[in-house]
Amino acid sequence: MKLRSLSPALLVTSQLLPADLPALASLGVASVICNRPDNEQPDQPDHLAMQSACTQAGMRFAYLPVVAGAISQDDVQQFCDVVEQLPAPIAAYCRTGTRSTSLWALAQVRTSRLTADQVLSIAAGAGYDLSSLAPRLRRDAPSSHE
């Protein structure tokens, strides 16, 4: 498990397993968001197994499945809402961490917390190349912020 920090409140990582969750809780993580649809690959645990393991480890859990390359505005809004509702720090995961990072980036720009250039830089620093998302980030940014 390799956690990458996007902000003090949000970490991202690749696929987690139920056995990873006690260690995650011991690091102080309070909540987990699963951005990976069930059955995307045959060997991944489903969200109900992850939710149960989170509960046993004393963490909150949210299931917000997103299809790779098809993040909608509704997905971004739901991510914003879930992040606001869950106790931090939060660990969000998908297959590689890229979807979770993309959702965070789109949410930051949408809410005018950061500019497109800022989220691209932070994502790159965490090891995620979101350059293919740059046109959408710039398009979605409120004109007064960019």
N, C-alpha and C. Protein backbone atom coordinates (compact mmCIF):
# COMPACT_ATOMS: atom_id res chain seq x y z
N MET A 1 0.85 -1.17 0.00
CA MET A 1 0.00 0.00 0.00
C MET A 1 0.90 1.23 0.00
N LYS A 2 0.76 2.03 -1.05
CA LYS A 2 1.54 3.26 -1.15
C LYS A 2 0.57 4.45 -1.16
N LEU A 3 0.52 5.14 -0.05
CA LEU A 3 -0.36 6.31 0.08
C LEU A 3 0.35 7.54 -0.48
N ARG A 4 -0.40 8.33 -1.23
CA ARG A 4 0.14 9.57 -1.78
C ARG A 4 -0.76 10.72 -1.35
N SER A 5 -0.16 11.74 -0.81
CA SER A 5 -0.91 12.86 -0.26
C SER A 5 -1.20 13.92 -1.33
N LEU A 6 -2.48 14.27 -1.47
CA LEU A 6 -2.88 15.37 -2.34
C LEU A 6 -3.16 16.63 -1.52
N SER A 7 -3.52 16.43 -0.27
CA SER A 7 -3.77 17.54 0.66
C SER A 7 -3.69 16.95 2.07
N PRO A 8 -3.68 17.79 3.09
CA PRO A 8 -3.67 17.24 4.44
C PRO A 8 -4.88 16.34 4.73
N ALA A 9 -5.97 16.57 4.02
CA ALA A 9 -7.20 15.82 4.28
C ALA A 9 -7.40 14.62 3.36
N LEU A 10 -6.64 14.52 2.25
CA LEU A 10 -6.92 13.46 1.27
C LEU A 10 -5.65 12.78 0.79
N LEU A 11 -5.68 11.46 0.91
CA LEU A 11 -4.63 10.59 0.38
C LEU A 11 -5.25 9.74 -0.72
N VAL A 12 -4.46 9.32 -1.68
CA VAL A 12 -4.94 8.41 -2.71
C VAL A 12 -4.00 7.22 -2.79
N THR A 13 -4.54 6.12 -3.29
CA THR A 13 -3.75 4.91 -3.42
C THR A 13 -4.40 3.99 -4.44
N SER A 14 -3.67 2.96 -4.79
CA SER A 14 -4.22 1.93 -5.68
C SER A 14 -5.11 1.00 -4.86
N GLN A 15 -5.58 -0.06 -5.51
CA GLN A 15 -6.50 -1.00 -4.88
C GLN A 15 -6.07 -1.40 -3.47
N LEU A 16 -6.97 -1.22 -2.54
CA LEU A 16 -6.75 -1.69 -1.17
C LEU A 16 -7.40 -3.05 -1.00
N LEU A 17 -6.93 -3.78 -0.03
CA LEU A 17 -7.51 -5.07 0.34
C LEU A 17 -8.01 -4.98 1.77
N PRO A 18 -8.97 -5.80 2.15
CA PRO A 18 -9.44 -5.76 3.54
C PRO A 18 -8.30 -5.88 4.55
N ALA A 19 -7.30 -6.68 4.25
CA ALA A 19 -6.17 -6.86 5.17
C ALA A 19 -5.34 -5.59 5.35
N ASP A 20 -5.44 -4.63 4.42
CA ASP A 20 -4.70 -3.37 4.52
C ASP A 20 -5.32 -2.39 5.51
N LEU A 21 -6.58 -2.57 5.82
CA LEU A 21 -7.32 -1.52 6.52
C LEU A 21 -6.91 -1.31 7.98
N PRO A 22 -6.57 -2.34 8.75
CA PRO A 22 -6.08 -2.06 10.10
C PRO A 22 -4.82 -1.18 10.10
N ALA A 23 -3.91 -1.44 9.17
CA ALA A 23 -2.69 -0.61 9.07
C ALA A 23 -3.04 0.81 8.67
N LEU A 24 -4.00 0.96 7.78
CA LEU A 24 -4.44 2.29 7.35
C LEU A 24 -5.02 3.05 8.55
N ALA A 25 -5.85 2.37 9.33
CA ALA A 25 -6.43 3.00 10.52
C ALA A 25 -5.34 3.38 11.52
N SER A 26 -4.32 2.55 11.65
CA SER A 26 -3.25 2.85 12.60
C SER A 26 -2.43 4.06 12.18
N LEU A 27 -2.50 4.41 10.90
CA LEU A 27 -1.83 5.62 10.40
C LEU A 27 -2.66 6.88 10.66
N GLY A 28 -3.87 6.70 11.20
CA GLY A 28 -4.73 7.84 11.51
C GLY A 28 -5.78 8.14 10.47
N VAL A 29 -5.87 7.33 9.42
CA VAL A 29 -6.90 7.54 8.40
C VAL A 29 -8.26 7.28 9.04
N ALA A 30 -9.19 8.21 8.84
CA ALA A 30 -10.51 8.12 9.46
C ALA A 30 -11.57 7.56 8.52
N SER A 31 -11.36 7.72 7.20
CA SER A 31 -12.37 7.33 6.23
C SER A 31 -11.73 6.81 4.96
N VAL A 32 -12.49 5.98 4.24
CA VAL A 32 -12.04 5.42 2.97
C VAL A 32 -13.13 5.63 1.93
N ILE A 33 -12.72 6.06 0.73
CA ILE A 33 -13.63 6.18 -0.41
C ILE A 33 -13.17 5.19 -1.47
N CYS A 34 -14.08 4.34 -1.92
CA CYS A 34 -13.81 3.42 -3.01
C CYS A 34 -14.37 4.02 -4.30
N ASN A 35 -13.48 4.32 -5.25
CA ASN A 35 -13.90 4.86 -6.55
C ASN A 35 -13.88 3.81 -7.65
N ARG A 36 -13.78 2.56 -7.26
CA ARG A 36 -13.68 1.47 -8.24
C ARG A 36 -14.98 0.68 -8.29
N PRO A 37 -15.59 0.54 -9.47
CA PRO A 37 -16.81 -0.27 -9.56
C PRO A 37 -16.53 -1.73 -9.19
N ASP A 38 -17.49 -2.36 -8.54
CA ASP A 38 -17.38 -3.79 -8.27
C ASP A 38 -17.24 -4.55 -9.59
N ASN A 39 -16.52 -5.66 -9.53
CA ASN A 39 -16.35 -6.57 -10.68
C ASN A 39 -15.59 -5.97 -11.85
N GLU A 40 -14.82 -4.93 -11.61
CA GLU A 40 -13.99 -4.38 -12.68
C GLU A 40 -12.93 -5.40 -13.09
N GLN A 41 -12.41 -6.11 -12.11
CA GLN A 41 -11.51 -7.23 -12.35
C GLN A 41 -11.93 -8.36 -11.42
N PRO A 42 -11.74 -9.60 -11.83
CA PRO A 42 -12.24 -10.71 -11.03
C PRO A 42 -11.58 -10.87 -9.66
N ASP A 43 -10.37 -10.38 -9.47
CA ASP A 43 -9.67 -10.61 -8.21
C ASP A 43 -9.82 -9.49 -7.18
N GLN A 44 -10.58 -8.45 -7.48
CA GLN A 44 -10.70 -7.35 -6.54
C GLN A 44 -11.81 -7.62 -5.52
N PRO A 45 -11.63 -7.18 -4.28
CA PRO A 45 -12.71 -7.32 -3.29
C PRO A 45 -13.85 -6.37 -3.64
N ASP A 46 -15.08 -6.80 -3.39
CA ASP A 46 -16.21 -5.90 -3.67
C ASP A 46 -16.33 -4.87 -2.56
N HIS A 47 -17.15 -3.85 -2.83
CA HIS A 47 -17.24 -2.75 -1.87
C HIS A 47 -17.85 -3.17 -0.54
N LEU A 48 -18.70 -4.19 -0.54
CA LEU A 48 -19.29 -4.63 0.73
C LEU A 48 -18.24 -5.25 1.65
N ALA A 49 -17.30 -6.01 1.07
CA ALA A 49 -16.20 -6.57 1.87
C ALA A 49 -15.32 -5.44 2.41
N MET A 50 -15.09 -4.43 1.59
CA MET A 50 -14.27 -3.30 2.03
C MET A 50 -14.98 -2.48 3.10
N GLN A 51 -16.28 -2.29 2.93
CA GLN A 51 -17.06 -1.55 3.93
C GLN A 51 -17.03 -2.28 5.28
N SER A 52 -17.21 -3.58 5.25
CA SER A 52 -17.17 -4.37 6.48
C SER A 52 -15.80 -4.27 7.16
N ALA A 53 -14.74 -4.38 6.38
CA ALA A 53 -13.38 -4.30 6.93
C ALA A 53 -13.10 -2.90 7.48
N CYS A 54 -13.61 -1.87 6.83
CA CYS A 54 -13.44 -0.49 7.34
C CYS A 54 -14.15 -0.34 8.68
N THR A 55 -15.37 -0.83 8.76
CA THR A 55 -16.12 -0.75 10.00
C THR A 55 -15.38 -1.46 11.13
N GLN A 56 -14.86 -2.65 10.84
CA GLN A 56 -14.11 -3.41 11.85
C GLN A 56 -12.84 -2.67 12.28
N ALA A 57 -12.26 -1.89 11.37
CA ALA A 57 -11.04 -1.14 11.69
C ALA A 57 -11.35 0.23 12.31
N GLY A 58 -12.65 0.56 12.45
CA GLY A 58 -13.03 1.82 13.07
C GLY A 58 -13.03 3.01 12.13
N MET A 59 -13.13 2.75 10.83
CA MET A 59 -13.14 3.84 9.84
C MET A 59 -14.50 3.90 9.15
N ARG A 60 -14.81 5.07 8.63
CA ARG A 60 -16.01 5.26 7.80
C ARG A 60 -15.68 4.86 6.37
N PHE A 61 -16.72 4.55 5.59
CA PHE A 61 -16.53 4.07 4.22
C PHE A 61 -17.59 4.68 3.32
N ALA A 62 -17.18 5.06 2.10
CA ALA A 62 -18.12 5.53 1.08
C ALA A 62 -17.79 4.84 -0.23
N TYR A 63 -18.84 4.44 -0.94
CA TYR A 63 -18.69 3.78 -2.23
C TYR A 63 -19.16 4.75 -3.31
N LEU A 64 -18.23 5.23 -4.11
CA LEU A 64 -18.53 6.15 -5.20
C LEU A 64 -17.83 5.63 -6.46
N PRO A 65 -18.43 4.60 -7.09
CA PRO A 65 -17.77 3.99 -8.25
C PRO A 65 -17.78 4.90 -9.46
N VAL A 66 -16.64 4.97 -10.13
CA VAL A 66 -16.48 5.81 -11.32
C VAL A 66 -15.79 4.98 -12.39
N VAL A 67 -16.31 5.06 -13.61
CA VAL A 67 -15.70 4.34 -14.73
C VAL A 67 -14.51 5.14 -15.23
N ALA A 68 -13.39 4.47 -15.40
CA ALA A 68 -12.16 5.13 -15.88
C ALA A 68 -12.43 5.85 -17.19
N GLY A 69 -11.99 7.11 -17.27
CA GLY A 69 -12.14 7.89 -18.49
C GLY A 69 -13.53 8.43 -18.73
N ALA A 70 -14.44 8.24 -17.78
CA ALA A 70 -15.83 8.69 -17.98
C ALA A 70 -16.37 9.39 -16.74
N ILE A 71 -15.57 10.27 -16.16
CA ILE A 71 -16.00 10.99 -14.96
C ILE A 71 -16.99 12.08 -15.35
N SER A 72 -18.20 12.00 -14.80
CA SER A 72 -19.24 12.97 -15.11
C SER A 72 -19.22 14.12 -14.10
N GLN A 73 -19.95 15.17 -14.43
CA GLN A 73 -20.08 16.29 -13.48
C GLN A 73 -20.79 15.83 -12.21
N ASP A 74 -21.74 14.90 -12.36
CA ASP A 74 -22.41 14.33 -11.18
C ASP A 74 -21.41 13.60 -10.29
N ASP A 75 -20.50 12.84 -10.91
CA ASP A 75 -19.46 12.15 -10.13
C ASP A 75 -18.63 13.14 -9.33
N VAL A 76 -18.26 14.24 -9.97
CA VAL A 76 -17.45 15.26 -9.30
C VAL A 76 -18.22 15.87 -8.13
N GLN A 77 -19.50 16.19 -8.35
CA GLN A 77 -20.31 16.76 -7.27
C GLN A 77 -20.47 15.77 -6.12
N GLN A 78 -20.71 14.51 -6.45
CA GLN A 78 -20.84 13.49 -5.40
C GLN A 78 -19.54 13.35 -4.61
N PHE A 79 -18.40 13.41 -5.31
CA PHE A 79 -17.11 13.34 -4.63
C PHE A 79 -16.97 14.53 -3.67
N CYS A 80 -17.31 15.73 -4.14
CA CYS A 80 -17.26 16.92 -3.27
C CYS A 80 -18.11 16.70 -2.02
N ASP A 81 -19.33 16.21 -2.22
CA ASP A 81 -20.25 16.00 -1.10
C ASP A 81 -19.71 14.97 -0.11
N VAL A 82 -19.21 13.85 -0.63
CA VAL A 82 -18.70 12.79 0.23
C VAL A 82 -17.49 13.27 1.03
N VAL A 83 -16.58 13.98 0.38
CA VAL A 83 -15.39 14.48 1.07
C VAL A 83 -15.79 15.46 2.18
N GLU A 84 -16.81 16.26 1.94
CA GLU A 84 -17.28 17.20 2.96
C GLU A 84 -17.91 16.48 4.15
N GLN A 85 -18.55 15.34 3.89
CA GLN A 85 -19.29 14.64 4.94
C GLN A 85 -18.43 13.70 5.78
N LEU A 86 -17.39 13.13 5.20
CA LEU A 86 -16.58 12.14 5.92
C LEU A 86 -15.53 12.80 6.80
N PRO A 87 -15.22 12.18 7.94
CA PRO A 87 -14.12 12.69 8.74
C PRO A 87 -12.78 12.46 8.04
N ALA A 88 -11.90 13.42 8.18
CA ALA A 88 -10.57 13.35 7.55
C ALA A 88 -9.55 12.90 8.59
N PRO A 89 -8.42 12.43 8.14
CA PRO A 89 -8.02 12.26 6.75
C PRO A 89 -8.73 11.09 6.08
N ILE A 90 -8.86 11.24 4.76
CA ILE A 90 -9.57 10.28 3.92
C ILE A 90 -8.57 9.65 2.97
N ALA A 91 -8.69 8.34 2.77
CA ALA A 91 -7.92 7.64 1.74
C ALA A 91 -8.90 7.22 0.65
N ALA A 92 -8.68 7.70 -0.57
CA ALA A 92 -9.51 7.32 -1.71
C ALA A 92 -8.71 6.37 -2.59
N TYR A 93 -9.39 5.35 -3.10
CA TYR A 93 -8.66 4.39 -3.93
C TYR A 93 -9.48 3.96 -5.15
N CYS A 94 -8.74 3.49 -6.15
CA CYS A 94 -9.28 2.85 -7.34
C CYS A 94 -8.22 1.84 -7.79
N ARG A 95 -8.18 1.48 -9.04
CA ARG A 95 -7.20 0.47 -9.46
C ARG A 95 -5.77 0.96 -9.30
N THR A 96 -5.50 2.20 -9.78
CA THR A 96 -4.13 2.74 -9.70
C THR A 96 -4.03 4.01 -8.86
N GLY A 97 -5.16 4.62 -8.54
CA GLY A 97 -5.19 5.90 -7.84
C GLY A 97 -5.47 7.07 -8.77
N THR A 98 -5.41 6.83 -10.07
CA THR A 98 -5.59 7.92 -11.04
C THR A 98 -7.01 8.46 -11.04
N ARG A 99 -8.02 7.59 -11.01
CA ARG A 99 -9.41 8.06 -10.98
C ARG A 99 -9.68 8.90 -9.75
N SER A 100 -9.20 8.42 -8.61
CA SER A 100 -9.41 9.17 -7.36
C SER A 100 -8.71 10.53 -7.43
N THR A 101 -7.51 10.56 -8.00
CA THR A 101 -6.78 11.81 -8.16
C THR A 101 -7.50 12.73 -9.13
N SER A 102 -8.04 12.18 -10.21
CA SER A 102 -8.78 12.98 -11.19
C SER A 102 -10.03 13.58 -10.56
N LEU A 103 -10.76 12.80 -9.78
CA LEU A 103 -11.94 13.33 -9.09
C LEU A 103 -11.55 14.48 -8.17
N TRP A 104 -10.47 14.30 -7.41
CA TRP A 104 -10.00 15.36 -6.51
C TRP A 104 -9.66 16.62 -7.31
N ALA A 105 -8.93 16.45 -8.41
CA ALA A 105 -8.51 17.60 -9.21
C ALA A 105 -9.72 18.35 -9.76
N LEU A 106 -10.66 17.62 -10.33
CA LEU A 106 -11.87 18.25 -10.88
C LEU A 106 -12.68 18.94 -9.78
N ALA A 107 -12.74 18.33 -8.61
CA ALA A 107 -13.46 18.94 -7.49
C ALA A 107 -12.79 20.22 -7.02
N GLN A 108 -11.46 20.23 -6.95
CA GLN A 108 -10.74 21.41 -6.50
C GLN A 108 -10.96 22.59 -7.45
N VAL A 109 -10.90 22.31 -8.74
CA VAL A 109 -11.11 23.36 -9.74
C VAL A 109 -12.56 23.82 -9.73
N ARG A 110 -13.48 22.88 -9.65
CA ARG A 110 -14.90 23.21 -9.67
C ARG A 110 -15.28 24.12 -8.51
N THR A 111 -14.70 23.88 -7.36
CA THR A 111 -15.04 24.67 -6.17
C THR A 111 -14.12 25.87 -5.98
N SER A 112 -13.26 26.13 -6.97
CA SER A 112 -12.34 27.28 -6.95
C SER A 112 -11.34 27.23 -5.81
N ARG A 113 -11.08 26.04 -5.28
CA ARG A 113 -10.07 25.93 -4.22
C ARG A 113 -8.67 26.04 -4.78
N LEU A 114 -8.47 25.47 -5.98
CA LEU A 114 -7.17 25.51 -6.64
C LEU A 114 -7.37 25.74 -8.13
N THR A 115 -6.33 26.24 -8.79
CA THR A 115 -6.38 26.42 -10.24
C THR A 115 -6.02 25.10 -10.93
N ALA A 116 -6.26 25.05 -12.22
CA ALA A 116 -5.89 23.88 -13.01
C ALA A 116 -4.40 23.61 -12.90
N ASP A 117 -3.59 24.66 -13.02
CA ASP A 117 -2.14 24.47 -12.93
C ASP A 117 -1.73 23.94 -11.56
N GLN A 118 -2.37 24.42 -10.52
CA GLN A 118 -2.03 23.96 -9.17
C GLN A 118 -2.35 22.47 -8.99
N VAL A 119 -3.54 22.04 -9.43
CA VAL A 119 -3.89 20.63 -9.25
C VAL A 119 -3.02 19.73 -10.11
N LEU A 120 -2.68 20.18 -11.31
CA LEU A 120 -1.79 19.39 -12.17
C LEU A 120 -0.43 19.21 -11.51
N SER A 121 0.08 20.27 -10.90
CA SER A 121 1.37 20.22 -10.22
C SER A 121 1.33 19.31 -8.99
N ILE A 122 0.29 19.43 -8.19
CA ILE A 122 0.16 18.60 -6.99
C ILE A 122 0.03 17.13 -7.39
N ALA A 123 -0.79 16.85 -8.39
CA ALA A 123 -0.96 15.47 -8.85
C ALA A 123 0.36 14.90 -9.36
N ALA A 124 1.09 15.69 -10.14
CA ALA A 124 2.39 15.23 -10.66
C ALA A 124 3.35 14.96 -9.51
N GLY A 125 3.34 15.81 -8.50
CA GLY A 125 4.20 15.60 -7.34
C GLY A 125 3.87 14.32 -6.58
N ALA A 126 2.62 13.89 -6.70
CA ALA A 126 2.20 12.64 -6.05
C ALA A 126 2.38 11.43 -6.97
N GLY A 127 2.87 11.69 -8.20
CA GLY A 127 3.12 10.59 -9.12
C GLY A 127 2.03 10.32 -10.12
N TYR A 128 1.08 11.26 -10.28
CA TYR A 128 -0.02 11.06 -11.22
C TYR A 128 0.03 12.12 -12.32
N ASP A 129 0.13 11.67 -13.55
CA ASP A 129 0.15 12.55 -14.72
C ASP A 129 -1.28 12.77 -15.19
N LEU A 130 -1.82 13.94 -14.92
CA LEU A 130 -3.19 14.26 -15.33
C LEU A 130 -3.21 15.18 -16.54
N SER A 131 -2.13 15.20 -17.33
CA SER A 131 -2.06 16.12 -18.47
C SER A 131 -3.21 15.91 -19.45
N SER A 132 -3.71 14.68 -19.59
CA SER A 132 -4.84 14.45 -20.49
C SER A 132 -6.12 15.08 -19.96
N LEU A 133 -6.16 15.39 -18.68
CA LEU A 133 -7.33 16.02 -18.07
C LEU A 133 -7.23 17.55 -18.08
N ALA A 134 -6.07 18.09 -18.47
CA ALA A 134 -5.84 19.54 -18.42
C ALA A 134 -6.88 20.35 -19.19
N PRO A 135 -7.25 19.97 -20.43
CA PRO A 135 -8.27 20.77 -21.12
C PRO A 135 -9.59 20.85 -20.35
N ARG A 136 -10.02 19.76 -19.77
CA ARG A 136 -11.26 19.78 -19.00
C ARG A 136 -11.10 20.60 -17.73
N LEU A 137 -9.96 20.47 -17.07
CA LEU A 137 -9.73 21.27 -15.86
C LEU A 137 -9.81 22.75 -16.18
N ARG A 138 -9.20 23.17 -17.28
CA ARG A 138 -9.22 24.58 -17.66
C ARG A 138 -10.63 25.02 -18.08
N ARG A 139 -11.35 24.14 -18.77
CA ARG A 139 -12.71 24.45 -19.21
C ARG A 139 -13.66 24.56 -18.01
N ASP A 140 -13.48 23.68 -17.02
CA ASP A 140 -14.38 23.65 -15.86
C ASP A 140 -14.08 24.74 -14.83
N ALA A 141 -12.91 25.35 -14.92
CA ALA A 141 -12.53 26.36 -13.93
C ALA A 141 -13.39 27.60 -14.08
N PRO A 142 -13.88 28.14 -12.97
CA PRO A 142 -14.59 29.42 -13.05
C PRO A 142 -13.67 30.48 -13.64
N SER A 143 -14.17 31.28 -14.54
CA SER A 143 -13.33 32.24 -15.26
C SER A 143 -12.67 33.25 -14.34
N SER A 144 -13.29 33.54 -13.20
CA SER A 144 -12.70 34.52 -12.29
C SER A 144 -11.51 33.95 -11.52
N HIS A 145 -11.33 32.62 -11.55
CA HIS A 145 -10.26 32.00 -10.77
C HIS A 145 -9.02 31.75 -11.60
N GLU A 146 -9.16 31.54 -12.88
CA GLU A 146 -8.03 31.21 -13.75
C GLU A 146 -7.41 32.45 -14.35
